Amino acid sequence: MLADKFIISESNPTAIASSIALRVKRNRLELNLTQNALASRSGVSFASLRRFENTGEISLKSLLMIAIALDSTEEFALLFSSGKYKTIDDVLTLNEPRTKKRGRIN
């Protein structure tokens, strides 16, 4: 578990994808499903699922279909949610109704 958290904290797309694939595989095995069974339940091809578990490469749509089959979609709700706070002032200004319309950094 600690290793998963370490890999996710890295800014390396390959490491993050591999960590996600490892957790999907672990979840599949906890449910006592074969790769073929999960592929069938999710609608993702067996070859795509096998490649994902081995390399971490998969389309977003296929990843979502696997998450639905494993009843693990709640994690996606946290993806790109609100920003992180750096100071107490950031928390205090949270109640100010300000919605950005565009970014400034080019």
PDB file of N, CA and C in Angstrom:
ATOM      1  N   MET A   1       0.818  -1.191   0.000  1.00  0.00           N
ATOM      2  CA  MET A   1       0.000   0.000   0.000  1.00  0.00           C
ATOM      3  C   MET A   1       0.862   1.256   0.000  1.00  0.00           C
ATOM      4  N   LEU A   2       1.873   1.300   0.848  1.00  0.00           N
ATOM      5  CA  LEU A   2       2.735   2.467   0.913  1.00  0.00           C
ATOM      6  C   LEU A   2       3.430   2.690  -0.424  1.00  0.00           C
ATOM      7  N   ALA A   3       3.797   1.597  -1.092  1.00  0.00           N
ATOM      8  CA  ALA A   3       4.454   1.720  -2.392  1.00  0.00           C
ATOM      9  C   ALA A   3       3.525   2.370  -3.408  1.00  0.00           C
ATOM     10  N   ASP A   4       2.214   2.030  -3.371  1.00  0.00           N
ATOM     11  CA  ASP A   4       1.247   2.647  -4.279  1.00  0.00           C
ATOM     12  C   ASP A   4       1.200   4.152  -4.069  1.00  0.00           C
ATOM     13  N   LYS A   5       1.161   4.590  -2.827  1.00  0.00           N
ATOM     14  CA  LYS A   5       1.093   6.015  -2.526  1.00  0.00           C
ATOM     15  C   LYS A   5       2.359   6.721  -3.000  1.00  0.00           C
ATOM     16  N   PHE A   6       3.500   6.078  -2.863  1.00  0.00           N
ATOM     17  CA  PHE A   6       4.757   6.679  -3.303  1.00  0.00           C
ATOM     18  C   PHE A   6       4.759   6.863  -4.806  1.00  0.00           C
ATOM     19  N   ILE A   7       4.324   5.851  -5.543  1.00  0.00           N
ATOM     20  CA  ILE A   7       4.326   5.920  -6.998  1.00  0.00           C
ATOM     21  C   ILE A   7       3.354   6.993  -7.475  1.00  0.00           C
ATOM     22  N   ILE A   8       2.175   7.071  -6.880  1.00  0.00           N
ATOM     23  CA  ILE A   8       1.185   8.056  -7.284  1.00  0.00           C
ATOM     24  C   ILE A   8       1.701   9.469  -7.057  1.00  0.00           C
ATOM     25  N   SER A   9       2.518   9.679  -6.027  1.00  0.00           N
ATOM     26  CA  SER A   9       3.001  11.022  -5.740  1.00  0.00           C
ATOM     27  C   SER A   9       4.050  11.489  -6.752  1.00  0.00           C
ATOM     28  N   GLU A  10       4.584  10.580  -7.525  1.00  0.00           N
ATOM     29  CA  GLU A  10       5.550  10.960  -8.553  1.00  0.00           C
ATOM     30  C   GLU A  10       4.834  11.611  -9.730  1.00  0.00           C
ATOM     31  N   SER A  11       5.520  12.460 -10.452  1.00  0.00           N
ATOM     32  CA  SER A  11       4.945  13.094 -11.638  1.00  0.00           C
ATOM     33  C   SER A  11       5.394  12.348 -12.886  1.00  0.00           C
ATOM     34  N   ASN A  12       5.258  11.059 -12.852  1.00  0.00           N
ATOM     35  CA  ASN A  12       5.684  10.213 -13.956  1.00  0.00           C
ATOM     36  C   ASN A  12       4.456   9.459 -14.478  1.00  0.00           C
ATOM     37  N   PRO A  13       3.967   9.772 -15.660  1.00  0.00           N
ATOM     38  CA  PRO A  13       2.756   9.130 -16.173  1.00  0.00           C
ATOM     39  C   PRO A  13       2.842   7.611 -16.245  1.00  0.00           C
ATOM     40  N   THR A  14       3.996   7.083 -16.600  1.00  0.00           N
ATOM     41  CA  THR A  14       4.150   5.635 -16.688  1.00  0.00           C
ATOM     42  C   THR A  14       4.016   4.987 -15.322  1.00  0.00           C
ATOM     43  N   ALA A  15       4.621   5.575 -14.311  1.00  0.00           N
ATOM     44  CA  ALA A  15       4.531   5.028 -12.951  1.00  0.00           C
ATOM     45  C   ALA A  15       3.106   5.113 -12.415  1.00  0.00           C
ATOM     46  N   ILE A  16       2.421   6.215 -12.695  1.00  0.00           N
ATOM     47  CA  ILE A  16       1.043   6.365 -12.237  1.00  0.00           C
ATOM     48  C   ILE A  16       0.157   5.329 -12.921  1.00  0.00           C
ATOM     49  N   ALA A  17       0.292   5.171 -14.227  1.00  0.00           N
ATOM     50  CA  ALA A  17      -0.509   4.194 -14.969  1.00  0.00           C
ATOM     51  C   ALA A  17      -0.239   2.775 -14.479  1.00  0.00           C
ATOM     52  N   SER A  18       1.023   2.450 -14.219  1.00  0.00           N
ATOM     53  CA  SER A  18       1.371   1.117 -13.717  1.00  0.00           C
ATOM     54  C   SER A  18       0.770   0.876 -12.337  1.00  0.00           C
ATOM     55  N   SER A  19       0.761   1.900 -11.506  1.00  0.00           N
ATOM     56  CA  SER A  19       0.177   1.780 -10.173  1.00  0.00           C
ATOM     57  C   SER A  19      -1.330   1.538 -10.251  1.00  0.00           C
ATOM     58  N   ILE A  20      -2.001   2.252 -11.145  1.00  0.00           N
ATOM     59  CA  ILE A  20      -3.443   2.054 -11.325  1.00  0.00           C
ATOM     60  C   ILE A  20      -3.716   0.645 -11.839  1.00  0.00           C
ATOM     61  N   ALA A  21      -2.927   0.189 -12.804  1.00  0.00           N
ATOM     62  CA  ALA A  21      -3.100  -1.159 -13.353  1.00  0.00           C
ATOM     63  C   ALA A  21      -2.898  -2.216 -12.278  1.00  0.00           C
ATOM     64  N   LEU A  22      -1.916  -2.004 -11.406  1.00  0.00           N
ATOM     65  CA  LEU A  22      -1.662  -2.943 -10.319  1.00  0.00           C
ATOM     66  C   LEU A  22      -2.852  -3.019  -9.370  1.00  0.00           C
ATOM     67  N   ARG A  23      -3.446  -1.855  -9.071  1.00  0.00           N
ATOM     68  CA  ARG A  23      -4.609  -1.841  -8.177  1.00  0.00           C
ATOM     69  C   ARG A  23      -5.833  -2.476  -8.824  1.00  0.00           C
ATOM     70  N   VAL A  24      -5.999  -2.288 -10.132  1.00  0.00           N
ATOM     71  CA  VAL A  24      -7.102  -2.951 -10.840  1.00  0.00           C
ATOM     72  C   VAL A  24      -6.904  -4.461 -10.789  1.00  0.00           C
ATOM     73  N   LYS A  25      -5.698  -4.912 -11.037  1.00  0.00           N
ATOM     74  CA  LYS A  25      -5.414  -6.349 -10.999  1.00  0.00           C
ATOM     75  C   LYS A  25      -5.665  -6.907  -9.601  1.00  0.00           C
ATOM     76  N   ARG A  26      -5.205  -6.187  -8.586  1.00  0.00           N
ATOM     77  CA  ARG A  26      -5.413  -6.621  -7.202  1.00  0.00           C
ATOM     78  C   ARG A  26      -6.915  -6.712  -6.885  1.00  0.00           C
ATOM     79  N   ASN A  27      -7.679  -5.722  -7.335  1.00  0.00           N
ATOM     80  CA  ASN A  27      -9.122  -5.718  -7.113  1.00  0.00           C
ATOM     81  C   ASN A  27      -9.784  -6.889  -7.847  1.00  0.00           C
ATOM     82  N   ARG A  28      -9.350  -7.143  -9.083  1.00  0.00           N
ATOM     83  CA  ARG A  28      -9.886  -8.263  -9.856  1.00  0.00           C
ATOM     84  C   ARG A  28      -9.638  -9.590  -9.160  1.00  0.00           C
ATOM     85  N   LEU A  29      -8.429  -9.762  -8.644  1.00  0.00           N
ATOM     86  CA  LEU A  29      -8.089 -11.008  -7.966  1.00  0.00           C
ATOM     87  C   LEU A  29      -8.826 -11.159  -6.634  1.00  0.00           C
ATOM     88  N   GLU A  30      -9.052 -10.045  -5.926  1.00  0.00           N
ATOM     89  CA  GLU A  30      -9.833 -10.099  -4.686  1.00  0.00           C
ATOM     90  C   GLU A  30     -11.255 -10.580  -4.954  1.00  0.00           C
ATOM     91  N   LEU A  31     -11.782 -10.237  -6.130  1.00  0.00           N
ATOM     92  CA  LEU A  31     -13.116 -10.684  -6.520  1.00  0.00           C
ATOM     93  C   LEU A  31     -13.095 -12.070  -7.165  1.00  0.00           C
ATOM     94  N   ASN A  32     -11.893 -12.667  -7.238  1.00  0.00           N
ATOM     95  CA  ASN A  32     -11.698 -14.003  -7.796  1.00  0.00           C
ATOM     96  C   ASN A  32     -12.129 -14.081  -9.259  1.00  0.00           C
ATOM     97  N   LEU A  33     -11.844 -13.014 -10.014  1.00  0.00           N
ATOM     98  CA  LEU A  33     -12.190 -12.965 -11.434  1.00  0.00           C
ATOM     99  C   LEU A  33     -10.950 -13.219 -12.284  1.00  0.00           C
ATOM    100  N   THR A  34     -11.142 -13.934 -13.362  1.00  0.00           N
ATOM    101  CA  THR A  34     -10.068 -14.082 -14.334  1.00  0.00           C
ATOM    102  C   THR A  34     -10.054 -12.835 -15.215  1.00  0.00           C
ATOM    103  N   GLN A  35      -8.978 -12.670 -15.967  1.00  0.00           N
ATOM    104  CA  GLN A  35      -8.926 -11.552 -16.913  1.00  0.00           C
ATOM    105  C   GLN A  35     -10.055 -11.678 -17.929  1.00  0.00           C
ATOM    106  N   ASN A  36     -10.317 -12.894 -18.362  1.00  0.00           N
ATOM    107  CA  ASN A  36     -11.375 -13.127 -19.337  1.00  0.00           C
ATOM    108  C   ASN A  36     -12.742 -12.753 -18.768  1.00  0.00           C
ATOM    109  N   ALA A  37     -12.989 -13.088 -17.507  1.00  0.00           N
ATOM    110  CA  ALA A  37     -14.266 -12.763 -16.875  1.00  0.00           C
ATOM    111  C   ALA A  37     -14.447 -11.254 -16.734  1.00  0.00           C
ATOM    112  N   LEU A  38     -13.383 -10.541 -16.316  1.00  0.00           N
ATOM    113  CA  LEU A  38     -13.477  -9.096 -16.181  1.00  0.00           C
ATOM    114  C   LEU A  38     -13.650  -8.438 -17.548  1.00  0.00           C
ATOM    115  N   ALA A  39     -12.958  -8.945 -18.536  1.00  0.00           N
ATOM    116  CA  ALA A  39     -13.107  -8.404 -19.894  1.00  0.00           C
ATOM    117  C   ALA A  39     -14.552  -8.563 -20.358  1.00  0.00           C
ATOM    118  N   SER A  40     -15.128  -9.703 -20.099  1.00  0.00           N
ATOM    119  CA  SER A  40     -16.505  -9.954 -20.487  1.00  0.00           C
ATOM    120  C   SER A  40     -17.482  -9.055 -19.739  1.00  0.00           C
ATOM    121  N   ARG A  41     -17.305  -8.916 -18.440  1.00  0.00           N
ATOM    122  CA  ARG A  41     -18.191  -8.082 -17.620  1.00  0.00           C
ATOM    123  C   ARG A  41     -18.088  -6.604 -17.978  1.00  0.00           C
ATOM    124  N   SER A  42     -16.902  -6.168 -18.345  1.00  0.00           N
ATOM    125  CA  SER A  42     -16.684  -4.741 -18.591  1.00  0.00           C
ATOM    126  C   SER A  42     -16.947  -4.335 -20.039  1.00  0.00           C
ATOM    127  N   GLY A  43     -16.898  -5.288 -20.947  1.00  0.00           N
ATOM    128  CA  GLY A  43     -17.037  -4.956 -22.364  1.00  0.00           C
ATOM    129  C   GLY A  43     -15.735  -4.523 -23.002  1.00  0.00           C
ATOM    130  N   VAL A  44     -14.638  -4.664 -22.267  1.00  0.00           N
ATOM    131  CA  VAL A  44     -13.304  -4.352 -22.776  1.00  0.00           C
ATOM    132  C   VAL A  44     -12.718  -5.644 -23.328  1.00  0.00           C
ATOM    133  N   SER A  45     -12.036  -5.562 -24.441  1.00  0.00           N
ATOM    134  CA  SER A  45     -11.480  -6.789 -25.019  1.00  0.00           C
ATOM    135  C   SER A  45     -10.449  -7.406 -24.077  1.00  0.00           C
ATOM    136  N   PHE A  46     -10.326  -8.713 -24.175  1.00  0.00           N
ATOM    137  CA  PHE A  46      -9.361  -9.440 -23.343  1.00  0.00           C
ATOM    138  C   PHE A  46      -7.951  -8.920 -23.589  1.00  0.00           C
ATOM    139  N   ALA A  47      -7.616  -8.670 -24.864  1.00  0.00           N
ATOM    140  CA  ALA A  47      -6.268  -8.195 -25.195  1.00  0.00           C
ATOM    141  C   ALA A  47      -6.000  -6.825 -24.566  1.00  0.00           C
ATOM    142  N   SER A  48      -6.997  -5.945 -24.574  1.00  0.00           N
ATOM    143  CA  SER A  48      -6.817  -4.614 -23.974  1.00  0.00           C
ATOM    144  C   SER A  48      -6.627  -4.717 -22.467  1.00  0.00           C
ATOM    145  N   LEU A  49      -7.415  -5.576 -21.828  1.00  0.00           N
ATOM    146  CA  LEU A  49      -7.283  -5.752 -20.384  1.00  0.00           C
ATOM    147  C   LEU A  49      -5.924  -6.342 -20.030  1.00  0.00           C
ATOM    148  N   ARG A  50      -5.496  -7.340 -20.774  1.00  0.00           N
ATOM    149  CA  ARG A  50      -4.189  -7.961 -20.515  1.00  0.00           C
ATOM    150  C   ARG A  50      -3.064  -6.938 -20.709  1.00  0.00           C
ATOM    151  N   ARG A  51      -3.134  -6.149 -21.802  1.00  0.00           N
ATOM    152  CA  ARG A  51      -2.124  -5.116 -22.041  1.00  0.00           C
ATOM    153  C   ARG A  51      -2.121  -4.095 -20.907  1.00  0.00           C
ATOM    154  N   PHE A  52      -3.309  -3.702 -20.447  1.00  0.00           N
ATOM    155  CA  PHE A  52      -3.405  -2.742 -19.349  1.00  0.00           C
ATOM    156  C   PHE A  52      -2.741  -3.270 -18.090  1.00  0.00           C
ATOM    157  N   GLU A  53      -3.041  -4.495 -17.717  1.00  0.00           N
ATOM    158  CA  GLU A  53      -2.442  -5.048 -16.496  1.00  0.00           C
ATOM    159  C   GLU A  53      -0.934  -5.216 -16.623  1.00  0.00           C
ATOM    160  N   ASN A  54      -0.449  -5.425 -17.827  1.00  0.00           N
ATOM    161  CA  ASN A  54       0.995  -5.611 -18.022  1.00  0.00           C
ATOM    162  C   ASN A  54       1.759  -4.310 -18.223  1.00  0.00           C
ATOM    163  N   THR A  55       1.137  -3.327 -18.864  1.00  0.00           N
ATOM    164  CA  THR A  55       1.876  -2.112 -19.220  1.00  0.00           C
ATOM    165  C   THR A  55       1.292  -0.830 -18.633  1.00  0.00           C
ATOM    166  N   GLY A  56       0.027  -0.875 -18.222  1.00  0.00           N
ATOM    167  CA  GLY A  56      -0.642   0.327 -17.724  1.00  0.00           C
ATOM    168  C   GLY A  56      -1.272   1.141 -18.836  1.00  0.00           C
ATOM    169  N   GLU A  57      -1.183   0.687 -20.086  1.00  0.00           N
ATOM    170  CA  GLU A  57      -1.730   1.427 -21.221  1.00  0.00           C
ATOM    171  C   GLU A  57      -3.166   1.011 -21.492  1.00  0.00           C
ATOM    172  N   ILE A  58      -4.076   2.025 -21.529  1.00  0.00           N
ATOM    173  CA  ILE A  58      -5.492   1.771 -21.802  1.00  0.00           C
ATOM    174  C   ILE A  58      -6.153   3.100 -22.125  1.00  0.00           C
ATOM    175  N   SER A  59      -7.235   3.043 -22.874  1.00  0.00           N
ATOM    176  CA  SER A  59      -7.978   4.270 -23.157  1.00  0.00           C
ATOM    177  C   SER A  59      -8.794   4.652 -21.920  1.00  0.00           C
ATOM    178  N   LEU A  60      -9.122   5.926 -21.823  1.00  0.00           N
ATOM    179  CA  LEU A  60      -9.919   6.389 -20.692  1.00  0.00           C
ATOM    180  C   LEU A  60     -11.273   5.703 -20.667  1.00  0.00           C
ATOM    181  N   LYS A  61     -11.906   5.562 -21.824  1.00  0.00           N
ATOM    182  CA  LYS A  61     -13.221   4.909 -21.888  1.00  0.00           C
ATOM    183  C   LYS A  61     -13.138   3.469 -21.378  1.00  0.00           C
ATOM    184  N   SER A  62     -12.120   2.737 -21.791  1.00  0.00           N
ATOM    185  CA  SER A  62     -11.964   1.352 -21.328  1.00  0.00           C
ATOM    186  C   SER A  62     -11.688   1.295 -19.832  1.00  0.00           C
ATOM    187  N   LEU A  63     -10.888   2.239 -19.324  1.00  0.00           N
ATOM    188  CA  LEU A  63     -10.618   2.289 -17.886  1.00  0.00           C
ATOM    189  C   LEU A  63     -11.912   2.529 -17.118  1.00  0.00           C
ATOM    190  N   LEU A  64     -12.750   3.423 -17.618  1.00  0.00           N
ATOM    191  CA  LEU A  64     -14.037   3.688 -16.969  1.00  0.00           C
ATOM    192  C   LEU A  64     -14.936   2.462 -17.017  1.00  0.00           C
ATOM    193  N   MET A  65     -14.929   1.750 -18.116  1.00  0.00           N
ATOM    194  CA  MET A  65     -15.751   0.536 -18.225  1.00  0.00           C
ATOM    195  C   MET A  65     -15.283  -0.525 -17.228  1.00  0.00           C
ATOM    196  N   ILE A  66     -13.987  -0.652 -17.033  1.00  0.00           N
ATOM    197  CA  ILE A  66     -13.447  -1.590 -16.047  1.00  0.00           C
ATOM    198  C   ILE A  66     -13.822  -1.147 -14.640  1.00  0.00           C
ATOM    199  N   ALA A  67     -13.713   0.151 -14.375  1.00  0.00           N
ATOM    200  CA  ALA A  67     -14.077   0.674 -13.053  1.00  0.00           C
ATOM    201  C   ALA A  67     -15.544   0.403 -12.744  1.00  0.00           C
ATOM    202  N   ILE A  68     -16.411   0.556 -13.726  1.00  0.00           N
ATOM    203  CA  ILE A  68     -17.834   0.265 -13.526  1.00  0.00           C
ATOM    204  C   ILE A  68     -18.020  -1.213 -13.205  1.00  0.00           C
ATOM    205  N   ALA A  69     -17.346  -2.080 -13.937  1.00  0.00           N
ATOM    206  CA  ALA A  69     -17.467  -3.523 -13.709  1.00  0.00           C
ATOM    207  C   ALA A  69     -16.953  -3.924 -12.324  1.00  0.00           C
ATOM    208  N   LEU A  70     -15.951  -3.196 -11.826  1.00  0.00           N
ATOM    209  CA  LEU A  70     -15.388  -3.493 -10.499  1.00  0.00           C
ATOM    210  C   LEU A  70     -16.053  -2.676  -9.389  1.00  0.00           C
ATOM    211  N   ASP A  71     -17.077  -1.892  -9.740  1.00  0.00           N
ATOM    212  CA  ASP A  71     -17.788  -1.034  -8.788  1.00  0.00           C
ATOM    213  C   ASP A  71     -16.804  -0.104  -8.073  1.00  0.00           C
ATOM    214  N   SER A  72     -15.968   0.556  -8.860  1.00  0.00           N
ATOM    215  CA  SER A  72     -14.929   1.428  -8.323  1.00  0.00           C
ATOM    216  C   SER A  72     -14.939   2.801  -8.992  1.00  0.00           C
ATOM    217  N   THR A  73     -16.105   3.319  -9.271  1.00  0.00           N
ATOM    218  CA  THR A  73     -16.181   4.601  -9.977  1.00  0.00           C
ATOM    219  C   THR A  73     -16.058   5.801  -9.050  1.00  0.00           C
ATOM    220  N   GLU A  74     -16.215   5.613  -7.744  1.00  0.00           N
ATOM    221  CA  GLU A  74     -16.190   6.755  -6.828  1.00  0.00           C
ATOM    222  C   GLU A  74     -14.849   7.486  -6.826  1.00  0.00           C
ATOM    223  N   GLU A  75     -13.765   6.802  -7.167  1.00  0.00           N
ATOM    224  CA  GLU A  75     -12.457   7.446  -7.203  1.00  0.00           C
ATOM    225  C   GLU A  75     -12.372   8.513  -8.292  1.00  0.00           C
ATOM    226  N   PHE A  76     -13.144   8.349  -9.357  1.00  0.00           N
ATOM    227  CA  PHE A  76     -13.107   9.314 -10.445  1.00  0.00           C
ATOM    228  C   PHE A  76     -13.740  10.642 -10.046  1.00  0.00           C
ATOM    229  N   ALA A  77     -14.600  10.628  -9.038  1.00  0.00           N
ATOM    230  CA  ALA A  77     -15.219  11.870  -8.567  1.00  0.00           C
ATOM    231  C   ALA A  77     -14.173  12.813  -7.968  1.00  0.00           C
ATOM    232  N   LEU A  78     -13.087  12.259  -7.453  1.00  0.00           N
ATOM    233  CA  LEU A  78     -12.030  13.062  -6.848  1.00  0.00           C
ATOM    234  C   LEU A  78     -11.043  13.613  -7.871  1.00  0.00           C
ATOM    235  N   LEU A  79     -11.037  13.025  -9.047  1.00  0.00           N
ATOM    236  CA  LEU A  79     -10.100  13.429 -10.078  1.00  0.00           C
ATOM    237  C   LEU A  79     -10.387  14.850 -10.534  1.00  0.00           C
ATOM    238  N   PHE A  80      -9.408  15.710 -10.444  1.00  0.00           N
ATOM    239  CA  PHE A  80      -9.504  17.114 -10.830  1.00  0.00           C
ATOM    240  C   PHE A  80     -10.576  17.870 -10.058  1.00  0.00           C
ATOM    241  N   SER A  81     -10.836  17.461  -8.817  1.00  0.00           N
ATOM    242  CA  SER A  81     -11.770  18.214  -7.990  1.00  0.00           C
ATOM    243  C   SER A  81     -11.092  19.519  -7.582  1.00  0.00           C
ATOM    244  N   SER A  82     -11.554  20.162  -6.560  1.00  0.00           N
ATOM    245  CA  SER A  82     -11.020  21.473  -6.195  1.00  0.00           C
ATOM    246  C   SER A  82      -9.523  21.426  -5.907  1.00  0.00           C
ATOM    247  N   GLY A  83      -8.892  22.589  -6.006  1.00  0.00           N
ATOM    248  CA  GLY A  83      -7.453  22.690  -5.790  1.00  0.00           C
ATOM    249  C   GLY A  83      -7.062  22.465  -4.346  1.00  0.00           C
ATOM    250  N   LYS A  84      -5.795  22.301  -4.132  1.00  0.00           N
ATOM    251  CA  LYS A  84      -5.271  22.099  -2.782  1.00  0.00           C
ATOM    252  C   LYS A  84      -4.981  23.449  -2.150  1.00  0.00           C
ATOM    253  N   TYR A  85      -5.096  23.492  -0.840  1.00  0.00           N
ATOM    254  CA  TYR A  85      -4.857  24.725  -0.103  1.00  0.00           C
ATOM    255  C   TYR A  85      -3.389  24.813   0.281  1.00  0.00           C
ATOM    256  N   LYS A  86      -2.821  26.009   0.131  1.00  0.00           N
ATOM    257  CA  LYS A  86      -1.426  26.220   0.490  1.00  0.00           C
ATOM    258  C   LYS A  86      -1.294  27.006   1.784  1.00  0.00           C
ATOM    259  N   THR A  87      -2.263  27.879   2.061  1.00  0.00           N
ATOM    260  CA  THR A  87      -2.214  28.688   3.278  1.00  0.00           C
ATOM    261  C   THR A  87      -3.595  28.729   3.911  1.00  0.00           C
ATOM    262  N   ILE A  88      -3.679  29.219   5.138  1.00  0.00           N
ATOM    263  CA  ILE A  88      -4.963  29.376   5.807  1.00  0.00           C
ATOM    264  C   ILE A  88      -5.816  30.417   5.091  1.00  0.00           C
ATOM    265  N   ASP A  89      -5.173  31.394   4.457  1.00  0.00           N
ATOM    266  CA  ASP A  89      -5.918  32.397   3.689  1.00  0.00           C
ATOM    267  C   ASP A  89      -6.671  31.759   2.518  1.00  0.00           C
ATOM    268  N   ASP A  90      -6.074  30.731   1.923  1.00  0.00           N
ATOM    269  CA  ASP A  90      -6.761  30.017   0.846  1.00  0.00           C
ATOM    270  C   ASP A  90      -8.051  29.380   1.349  1.00  0.00           C
ATOM    271  N   VAL A  91      -8.011  28.823   2.545  1.00  0.00           N
ATOM    272  CA  VAL A  91      -9.193  28.202   3.140  1.00  0.00           C
ATOM    273  C   VAL A  91     -10.233  29.261   3.478  1.00  0.00           C
ATOM    274  N   LEU A  92      -9.795  30.389   4.017  1.00  0.00           N
ATOM    275  CA  LEU A  92     -10.719  31.445   4.410  1.00  0.00           C
ATOM    276  C   LEU A  92     -11.410  32.080   3.209  1.00  0.00           C
ATOM    277  N   THR A  93     -10.731  32.174   2.089  1.00  0.00           N
ATOM    278  CA  THR A  93     -11.349  32.770   0.901  1.00  0.00           C
ATOM    279  C   THR A  93     -12.200  31.770   0.131  1.00  0.00           C
ATOM    280  N   LEU A  94     -12.302  30.564   0.634  1.00  0.00           N
ATOM    281  CA  LEU A  94     -13.095  29.528  -0.016  1.00  0.00           C
ATOM    282  C   LEU A  94     -14.562  29.934  -0.132  1.00  0.00           C
ATOM    283  N   ASN A  95     -15.083  30.662   0.846  1.00  0.00           N
ATOM    284  CA  ASN A  95     -16.489  31.049   0.847  1.00  0.00           C
ATOM    285  C   ASN A  95     -16.809  32.184  -0.111  1.00  0.00           C
ATOM    286  N   GLU A  96     -15.800  32.831  -0.649  1.00  0.00           N
ATOM    287  CA  GLU A  96     -16.028  33.914  -1.590  1.00  0.00           C
ATOM    288  C   GLU A  96     -16.489  33.334  -2.922  1.00  0.00           C
ATOM    289  N   PRO A  97     -17.654  33.774  -3.401  1.00  0.00           N
ATOM    290  CA  PRO A  97     -18.182  33.214  -4.650  1.00  0.00           C
ATOM    291  C   PRO A  97     -17.467  33.778  -5.874  1.00  0.00           C
ATOM    292  N   ARG A  98     -16.389  33.153  -6.250  1.00  0.00           N
ATOM    293  CA  ARG A  98     -15.613  33.621  -7.393  1.00  0.00           C
ATOM    294  C   ARG A  98     -15.326  32.432  -8.308  1.00  0.00           C
ATOM    295  N   THR A  99     -15.819  32.509  -9.501  1.00  0.00           N
ATOM    296  CA  THR A  99     -15.584  31.460 -10.471  1.00  0.00           C
ATOM    297  C   THR A  99     -14.723  32.018 -11.582  1.00  0.00           C
ATOM    298  N   LYS A 100     -13.587  31.386 -11.795  1.00  0.00           N
ATOM    299  CA  LYS A 100     -12.692  31.843 -12.855  1.00  0.00           C
ATOM    300  C   LYS A 100     -13.278  31.486 -14.211  1.00  0.00           C
ATOM    301  N   LYS A 101     -13.120  32.404 -15.127  1.00  0.00           N
ATOM    302  CA  LYS A 101     -13.612  32.185 -16.480  1.00  0.00           C
ATOM    303  C   LYS A 101     -12.480  31.767 -17.425  1.00  0.00           C
ATOM    304  N   ARG A 102     -11.254  32.144 -17.067  1.00  0.00           N
ATOM    305  CA  ARG A 102     -10.095  31.763 -17.877  1.00  0.00           C
ATOM    306  C   ARG A 102      -8.837  31.815 -17.026  1.00  0.00           C
ATOM    307  N   GLY A 103      -7.810  31.141 -17.481  1.00  0.00           N
ATOM    308  CA  GLY A 103      -6.533  31.153 -16.783  1.00  0.00           C
ATOM    309  C   GLY A 103      -5.669  32.316 -17.247  1.00  0.00           C
ATOM    310  N   ARG A 104      -4.680  32.665 -16.456  1.00  0.00           N
ATOM    311  CA  ARG A 104      -3.776  33.765 -16.800  1.00  0.00           C
ATOM    312  C   ARG A 104      -2.453  33.289 -17.353  1.00  0.00           C
ATOM    313  N   ILE A 105      -2.027  32.098 -16.966  1.00  0.00           N
ATOM    314  CA  ILE A 105      -0.712  31.610 -17.371  1.00  0.00           C
ATOM    315  C   ILE A 105      -0.768  31.101 -18.788  1.00  0.00           C
ATOM    316  N   ASN A 106       0.161  31.565 -19.599  1.00  0.00           N
ATOM    317  CA  ASN A 106       0.204  31.194 -21.003  1.00  0.00           C
ATOM    318  C   ASN A 106       1.365  30.301 -21.307  1.00  0.00           C
TER     319      ASN A 106
END
